[in-house]
Amino acid sequence: MTERYENYESQVEPRVVEESIIVMGEAVKQAPKITGVPTGVEGLDELFFTVEVKDGKPVKKSLGGIPTYAVFNVTGVSDTGKSLFVEQFAVAQAARGEKVAFVTVESPAVFVAKGLEMRAAAMGHEPAKIEKNIVLIDAASHGSLRENVPDLLTTLAYVIKQHKVRFLTLPIP
């Protein structure tokens, strides 16, 4: 794999990407309104908030979930609920009618699908209602997706476009 990229730096002429530079004040004007995405994890959604200034004092306003457009890296030691959180999040979004891409890394897609079905039932959702909204990408069974980042990114881009995915879960062991 490294042979493919070992001369990458010498093949690409560095350049300034001027369109990537923006003054903070202008970026703030262009930023979307921050809203929350419910996680499906009891007690977690209340931890996310914005702050508004009223009468000169900051006031917390609950988002009711993870901030939209946010990227979250869930880390921890073994058996602390990371996979459970990811599964609950995927099921909660699918139950809301949202499309979710779920990349399997440790277990083949067929086992993850069965686990998601059971998780949905445990959360009080009809499994049949979420099945069409979760698209599995089986990196556990296809080594090229784990070993070749460009293949993974190309596959993700394809799934996002073809299935109109709004959320991505990528559990990394």
C-alpha atoms as a PDB file:
ATOM      1  CA  MET A   1       0.000   0.000   0.000  1.00  0.00           C
ATOM      2  CA  THR A   2       2.784   2.479   0.835  1.00  0.00           C
ATOM      3  CA  GLU A   3       4.304   2.105  -2.632  1.00  0.00           C
ATOM      4  CA  ARG A   4       1.233   3.782  -4.061  1.00  0.00           C
ATOM      5  CA  TYR A   5       1.794   6.928  -2.022  1.00  0.00           C
ATOM      6  CA  GLU A   6       5.507   7.089  -1.267  1.00  0.00           C
ATOM      7  CA  ASN A   7       6.235   9.634  -4.009  1.00  0.00           C
ATOM      8  CA  TYR A   8       3.019  11.589  -3.505  1.00  0.00           C
ATOM      9  CA  GLU A   9       4.705  14.715  -2.105  1.00  0.00           C
ATOM     10  CA  SER A  10       7.113  14.960  -5.004  1.00  0.00           C
ATOM     11  CA  GLN A  11       4.265  14.632  -7.534  1.00  0.00           C
ATOM     12  CA  VAL A  12       2.098  17.457  -6.211  1.00  0.00           C
ATOM     13  CA  GLU A  13       3.235  21.062  -6.455  1.00  0.00           C
ATOM     14  CA  PRO A  14       2.234  22.930  -3.254  1.00  0.00           C
ATOM     15  CA  ARG A  15      -0.117  25.849  -3.804  1.00  0.00           C
ATOM     16  CA  VAL A  16      -2.022  28.379  -1.760  1.00  0.00           C
ATOM     17  CA  VAL A  17      -5.737  27.536  -1.776  1.00  0.00           C
ATOM     18  CA  GLU A  18      -6.999  31.106  -1.516  1.00  0.00           C
ATOM     19  CA  GLU A  19     -10.691  30.147  -1.532  1.00  0.00           C
ATOM     20  CA  SER A  20     -10.096  28.288   1.754  1.00  0.00           C
ATOM     21  CA  ILE A  21      -9.167  31.473   3.617  1.00  0.00           C
ATOM     22  CA  ILE A  22     -11.965  33.380   5.346  1.00  0.00           C
ATOM     23  CA  VAL A  23     -12.040  36.026   8.068  1.00  0.00           C
ATOM     24  CA  MET A  24     -13.909  34.791  11.150  1.00  0.00           C
ATOM     25  CA  GLY A  25     -16.523  37.569  11.052  1.00  0.00           C
ATOM     26  CA  GLU A  26     -17.497  36.584   7.507  1.00  0.00           C
ATOM     27  CA  ALA A  27     -17.564  32.882   8.426  1.00  0.00           C
ATOM     28  CA  VAL A  28     -19.936  33.602  11.336  1.00  0.00           C
ATOM     29  CA  LYS A  29     -22.322  35.389   8.943  1.00  0.00           C
ATOM     30  CA  GLN A  30     -22.309  32.375   6.609  1.00  0.00           C
ATOM     31  CA  ALA A  31     -22.670  29.721   9.323  1.00  0.00           C
ATOM     32  CA  PRO A  32     -25.949  27.800   9.503  1.00  0.00           C
ATOM     33  CA  LYS A  33     -28.196  28.047  12.549  1.00  0.00           C
ATOM     34  CA  ILE A  34     -27.140  25.525  15.163  1.00  0.00           C
ATOM     35  CA  THR A  35     -29.847  22.984  15.970  1.00  0.00           C
ATOM     36  CA  GLY A  36     -29.756  19.662  17.783  1.00  0.00           C
ATOM     37  CA  VAL A  37     -29.990  16.118  16.460  1.00  0.00           C
ATOM     38  CA  PRO A  38     -31.510  13.759  19.052  1.00  0.00           C
ATOM     39  CA  THR A  39     -29.120  10.896  19.844  1.00  0.00           C
ATOM     40  CA  GLY A  40     -31.590   8.392  21.217  1.00  0.00           C
ATOM     41  CA  VAL A  41     -29.455   8.173  24.368  1.00  0.00           C
ATOM     42  CA  GLU A  42     -31.425   9.141  27.458  1.00  0.00           C
ATOM     43  CA  GLY A  43     -29.860  12.055  29.339  1.00  0.00           C
ATOM     44  CA  LEU A  44     -27.247  12.857  26.696  1.00  0.00           C
ATOM     45  CA  ASP A  45     -29.267  15.265  24.555  1.00  0.00           C
ATOM     46  CA  GLU A  46     -29.741  17.715  27.435  1.00  0.00           C
ATOM     47  CA  LEU A  47     -25.972  18.213  27.698  1.00  0.00           C
ATOM     48  CA  PHE A  48     -25.772  20.147  24.416  1.00  0.00           C
ATOM     49  CA  PHE A  49     -26.743  23.811  24.391  1.00  0.00           C
ATOM     50  CA  THR A  50     -26.132  27.234  22.894  1.00  0.00           C
ATOM     51  CA  VAL A  51     -25.825  30.477  24.795  1.00  0.00           C
ATOM     52  CA  GLU A  52     -27.918  33.571  24.169  1.00  0.00           C
ATOM     53  CA  VAL A  53     -27.378  36.904  25.857  1.00  0.00           C
ATOM     54  CA  LYS A  54     -30.532  38.297  27.482  1.00  0.00           C
ATOM     55  CA  ASP A  55     -30.490  41.444  29.576  1.00  0.00           C
ATOM     56  CA  GLY A  56     -26.702  41.381  29.416  1.00  0.00           C
ATOM     57  CA  LYS A  57     -26.468  37.868  30.897  1.00  0.00           C
ATOM     58  CA  PRO A  58     -25.668  34.560  29.178  1.00  0.00           C
ATOM     59  CA  VAL A  59     -28.579  32.103  29.147  1.00  0.00           C
ATOM     60  CA  LYS A  60     -28.219  28.431  28.182  1.00  0.00           C
ATOM     61  CA  LYS A  61     -30.655  27.159  25.555  1.00  0.00           C
ATOM     62  CA  SER A  62     -30.846  23.368  25.106  1.00  0.00           C
ATOM     63  CA  LEU A  63     -30.285  22.028  21.605  1.00  0.00           C
ATOM     64  CA  GLY A  64     -32.000  18.729  22.417  1.00  0.00           C
ATOM     65  CA  GLY A  65     -29.178  16.723  20.867  1.00  0.00           C
ATOM     66  CA  ILE A  66     -25.793  16.786  19.182  1.00  0.00           C
ATOM     67  CA  PRO A  67     -25.230  19.994  17.196  1.00  0.00           C
ATOM     68  CA  THR A  68     -26.137  19.569  13.527  1.00  0.00           C
ATOM     69  CA  TYR A  69     -23.052  19.371  11.266  1.00  0.00           C
ATOM     70  CA  ALA A  70     -20.844  18.415  14.229  1.00  0.00           C
ATOM     71  CA  VAL A  71     -18.244  15.691  14.005  1.00  0.00           C
ATOM     72  CA  PHE A  72     -17.927  13.583  17.139  1.00  0.00           C
ATOM     73  CA  ASN A  73     -15.134  11.229  18.056  1.00  0.00           C
ATOM     74  CA  VAL A  74     -16.367   8.862  20.762  1.00  0.00           C
ATOM     75  CA  THR A  75     -13.413   7.330  22.582  1.00  0.00           C
ATOM     76  CA  GLY A  76     -12.941   5.171  25.648  1.00  0.00           C
ATOM     77  CA  VAL A  77     -11.579   1.924  26.951  1.00  0.00           C
ATOM     78  CA  SER A  78     -13.204  -1.401  26.081  1.00  0.00           C
ATOM     79  CA  ASP A  79     -16.749  -2.085  27.250  1.00  0.00           C
ATOM     80  CA  THR A  80     -17.714   1.530  28.015  1.00  0.00           C
ATOM     81  CA  GLY A  81     -20.656   1.738  25.584  1.00  0.00           C
ATOM     82  CA  LYS A  82     -19.090   3.313  22.493  1.00  0.00           C
ATOM     83  CA  SER A  83     -20.644   0.814  20.076  1.00  0.00           C
ATOM     84  CA  LEU A  84     -23.936   0.948  21.948  1.00  0.00           C
ATOM     85  CA  PHE A  85     -23.976   4.740  21.564  1.00  0.00           C
ATOM     86  CA  VAL A  86     -23.287   4.511  17.821  1.00  0.00           C
ATOM     87  CA  GLU A  87     -26.000   1.887  17.348  1.00  0.00           C
ATOM     88  CA  GLN A  88     -28.562   3.912  19.322  1.00  0.00           C
ATOM     89  CA  PHE A  89     -27.697   7.045  17.365  1.00  0.00           C
ATOM     90  CA  ALA A  90     -28.084   5.246  14.017  1.00  0.00           C
ATOM     91  CA  VAL A  91     -31.413   3.693  15.054  1.00  0.00           C
ATOM     92  CA  ALA A  92     -32.731   6.997  16.436  1.00  0.00           C
ATOM     93  CA  GLN A  93     -31.939   8.822  13.173  1.00  0.00           C
ATOM     94  CA  ALA A  94     -33.379   6.046  11.021  1.00  0.00           C
ATOM     95  CA  ALA A  95     -36.553   6.039  13.138  1.00  0.00           C
ATOM     96  CA  ARG A  96     -36.878   9.792  12.444  1.00  0.00           C
ATOM     97  CA  GLY A  97     -36.789   8.984   8.705  1.00  0.00           C
ATOM     98  CA  GLU A  98     -33.173  10.076   8.201  1.00  0.00           C
ATOM     99  CA  LYS A  99     -30.719   8.105   6.072  1.00  0.00           C
ATOM    100  CA  VAL A 100     -27.670   6.782   7.931  1.00  0.00           C
ATOM    101  CA  ALA A 101     -24.497   5.213   6.543  1.00  0.00           C
ATOM    102  CA  PHE A 102     -23.107   2.707   9.048  1.00  0.00           C
ATOM    103  CA  VAL A 103     -19.576   1.482   8.357  1.00  0.00           C
ATOM    104  CA  THR A 104     -18.901  -1.932   9.886  1.00  0.00           C
ATOM    105  CA  VAL A 105     -15.301  -2.411  10.937  1.00  0.00           C
ATOM    106  CA  GLU A 106     -15.207  -5.282  13.434  1.00  0.00           C
ATOM    107  CA  SER A 107     -18.258  -7.399  12.526  1.00  0.00           C
ATOM    108  CA  PRO A 108     -19.641  -8.303   9.096  1.00  0.00           C
ATOM    109  CA  ALA A 109     -22.711  -6.361   7.957  1.00  0.00           C
ATOM    110  CA  VAL A 110     -25.117  -9.271   8.422  1.00  0.00           C
ATOM    111  CA  PHE A 111     -24.310  -9.455  12.144  1.00  0.00           C
ATOM    112  CA  VAL A 112     -24.417  -5.671  12.575  1.00  0.00           C
ATOM    113  CA  ALA A 113     -27.809  -5.591  10.813  1.00  0.00           C
ATOM    114  CA  LYS A 114     -29.213  -8.168  13.230  1.00  0.00           C
ATOM    115  CA  GLY A 115     -27.811  -6.201  16.172  1.00  0.00           C
ATOM    116  CA  LEU A 116     -29.365  -2.980  14.878  1.00  0.00           C
ATOM    117  CA  GLU A 117     -32.679  -4.753  14.470  1.00  0.00           C
ATOM    118  CA  MET A 118     -32.551  -5.889  18.110  1.00  0.00           C
ATOM    119  CA  ARG A 119     -31.414  -2.429  19.266  1.00  0.00           C
ATOM    120  CA  ALA A 120     -34.398  -0.850  17.465  1.00  0.00           C
ATOM    121  CA  ALA A 121     -36.802  -3.229  19.195  1.00  0.00           C
ATOM    122  CA  ALA A 122     -35.188  -2.500  22.576  1.00  0.00           C
ATOM    123  CA  MET A 123     -35.610   1.236  21.928  1.00  0.00           C
ATOM    124  CA  GLY A 124     -39.309   0.769  21.101  1.00  0.00           C
ATOM    125  CA  HIS A 125     -38.969   1.207  17.330  1.00  0.00           C
ATOM    126  CA  GLU A 126     -40.464  -1.128  14.773  1.00  0.00           C
ATOM    127  CA  PRO A 127     -37.383  -2.702  13.087  1.00  0.00           C
ATOM    128  CA  ALA A 128     -39.122  -2.757   9.697  1.00  0.00           C
ATOM    129  CA  LYS A 129     -39.429   1.047   9.827  1.00  0.00           C
ATOM    130  CA  ILE A 130     -35.684   1.615  10.149  1.00  0.00           C
ATOM    131  CA  GLU A 131     -34.360  -1.025   7.742  1.00  0.00           C
ATOM    132  CA  LYS A 132     -34.686   1.150   4.634  1.00  0.00           C
ATOM    133  CA  ASN A 133     -32.923   4.079   6.307  1.00  0.00           C
ATOM    134  CA  ILE A 134     -29.659   2.426   7.358  1.00  0.00           C
ATOM    135  CA  VAL A 135     -27.116   1.651   4.634  1.00  0.00           C
ATOM    136  CA  LEU A 136     -24.332  -0.663   5.766  1.00  0.00           C
ATOM    137  CA  ILE A 137     -20.819  -0.449   4.329  1.00  0.00           C
ATOM    138  CA  ASP A 138     -19.105  -3.735   5.167  1.00  0.00           C
ATOM    139  CA  ALA A 139     -15.470  -2.830   5.841  1.00  0.00           C
ATOM    140  CA  ALA A 140     -15.192  -5.836   8.172  1.00  0.00           C
ATOM    141  CA  SER A 141     -15.560  -8.210   5.217  1.00  0.00           C
ATOM    142  CA  HIS A 142     -13.767  -6.059   2.640  1.00  0.00           C
ATOM    143  CA  GLY A 143     -10.187  -5.362   3.660  1.00  0.00           C
ATOM    144  CA  SER A 144      -9.599  -2.800   0.916  1.00  0.00           C
ATOM    145  CA  LEU A 145     -11.968  -0.435   2.745  1.00  0.00           C
ATOM    146  CA  ARG A 146      -9.871  -0.717   5.923  1.00  0.00           C
ATOM    147  CA  GLU A 147      -6.478  -0.640   4.252  1.00  0.00           C
ATOM    148  CA  ASN A 148      -7.022   1.854   1.441  1.00  0.00           C
ATOM    149  CA  VAL A 149      -8.442   5.189   2.617  1.00  0.00           C
ATOM    150  CA  PRO A 150      -9.163   6.429  -0.942  1.00  0.00           C
ATOM    151  CA  ASP A 151     -11.352   3.331  -1.544  1.00  0.00           C
ATOM    152  CA  LEU A 152     -13.225   3.971   1.701  1.00  0.00           C
ATOM    153  CA  LEU A 153     -13.744   7.666   0.908  1.00  0.00           C
ATOM    154  CA  THR A 154     -14.893   6.911  -2.640  1.00  0.00           C
ATOM    155  CA  THR A 155     -17.325   4.282  -1.352  1.00  0.00           C
ATOM    156  CA  LEU A 156     -18.632   6.694   1.292  1.00  0.00           C
ATOM    157  CA  ALA A 157     -19.114   9.441  -1.305  1.00  0.00           C
ATOM    158  CA  TYR A 158     -21.014   7.012  -3.521  1.00  0.00           C
ATOM    159  CA  VAL A 159     -23.300   5.851  -0.677  1.00  0.00           C
ATOM    160  CA  ILE A 160     -23.933   9.420   0.516  1.00  0.00           C
ATOM    161  CA  LYS A 161     -24.931  10.523  -2.986  1.00  0.00           C
ATOM    162  CA  GLN A 162     -26.892   7.437  -4.054  1.00  0.00           C
ATOM    163  CA  HIS A 163     -28.820   7.015  -0.795  1.00  0.00           C
ATOM    164  CA  LYS A 164     -29.040  10.702   0.208  1.00  0.00           C
ATOM    165  CA  VAL A 165     -27.354   9.945   3.523  1.00  0.00           C
ATOM    166  CA  ARG A 166     -27.401  12.686   6.173  1.00  0.00           C
ATOM    167  CA  PHE A 167     -25.549  10.873   8.972  1.00  0.00           C
ATOM    168  CA  LEU A 168     -22.454   8.689   9.033  1.00  0.00           C
ATOM    169  CA  THR A 169     -21.268   6.350  11.755  1.00  0.00           C
ATOM    170  CA  LEU A 170     -17.731   5.073  11.458  1.00  0.00           C
ATOM    171  CA  PRO A 171     -16.764   3.055  14.527  1.00  0.00           C
ATOM    172  CA  ILE A 172     -12.971   2.791  14.707  1.00  0.00           C
ATOM    173  CA  PRO A 173     -11.677   0.145  17.128  1.00  0.00           C
END
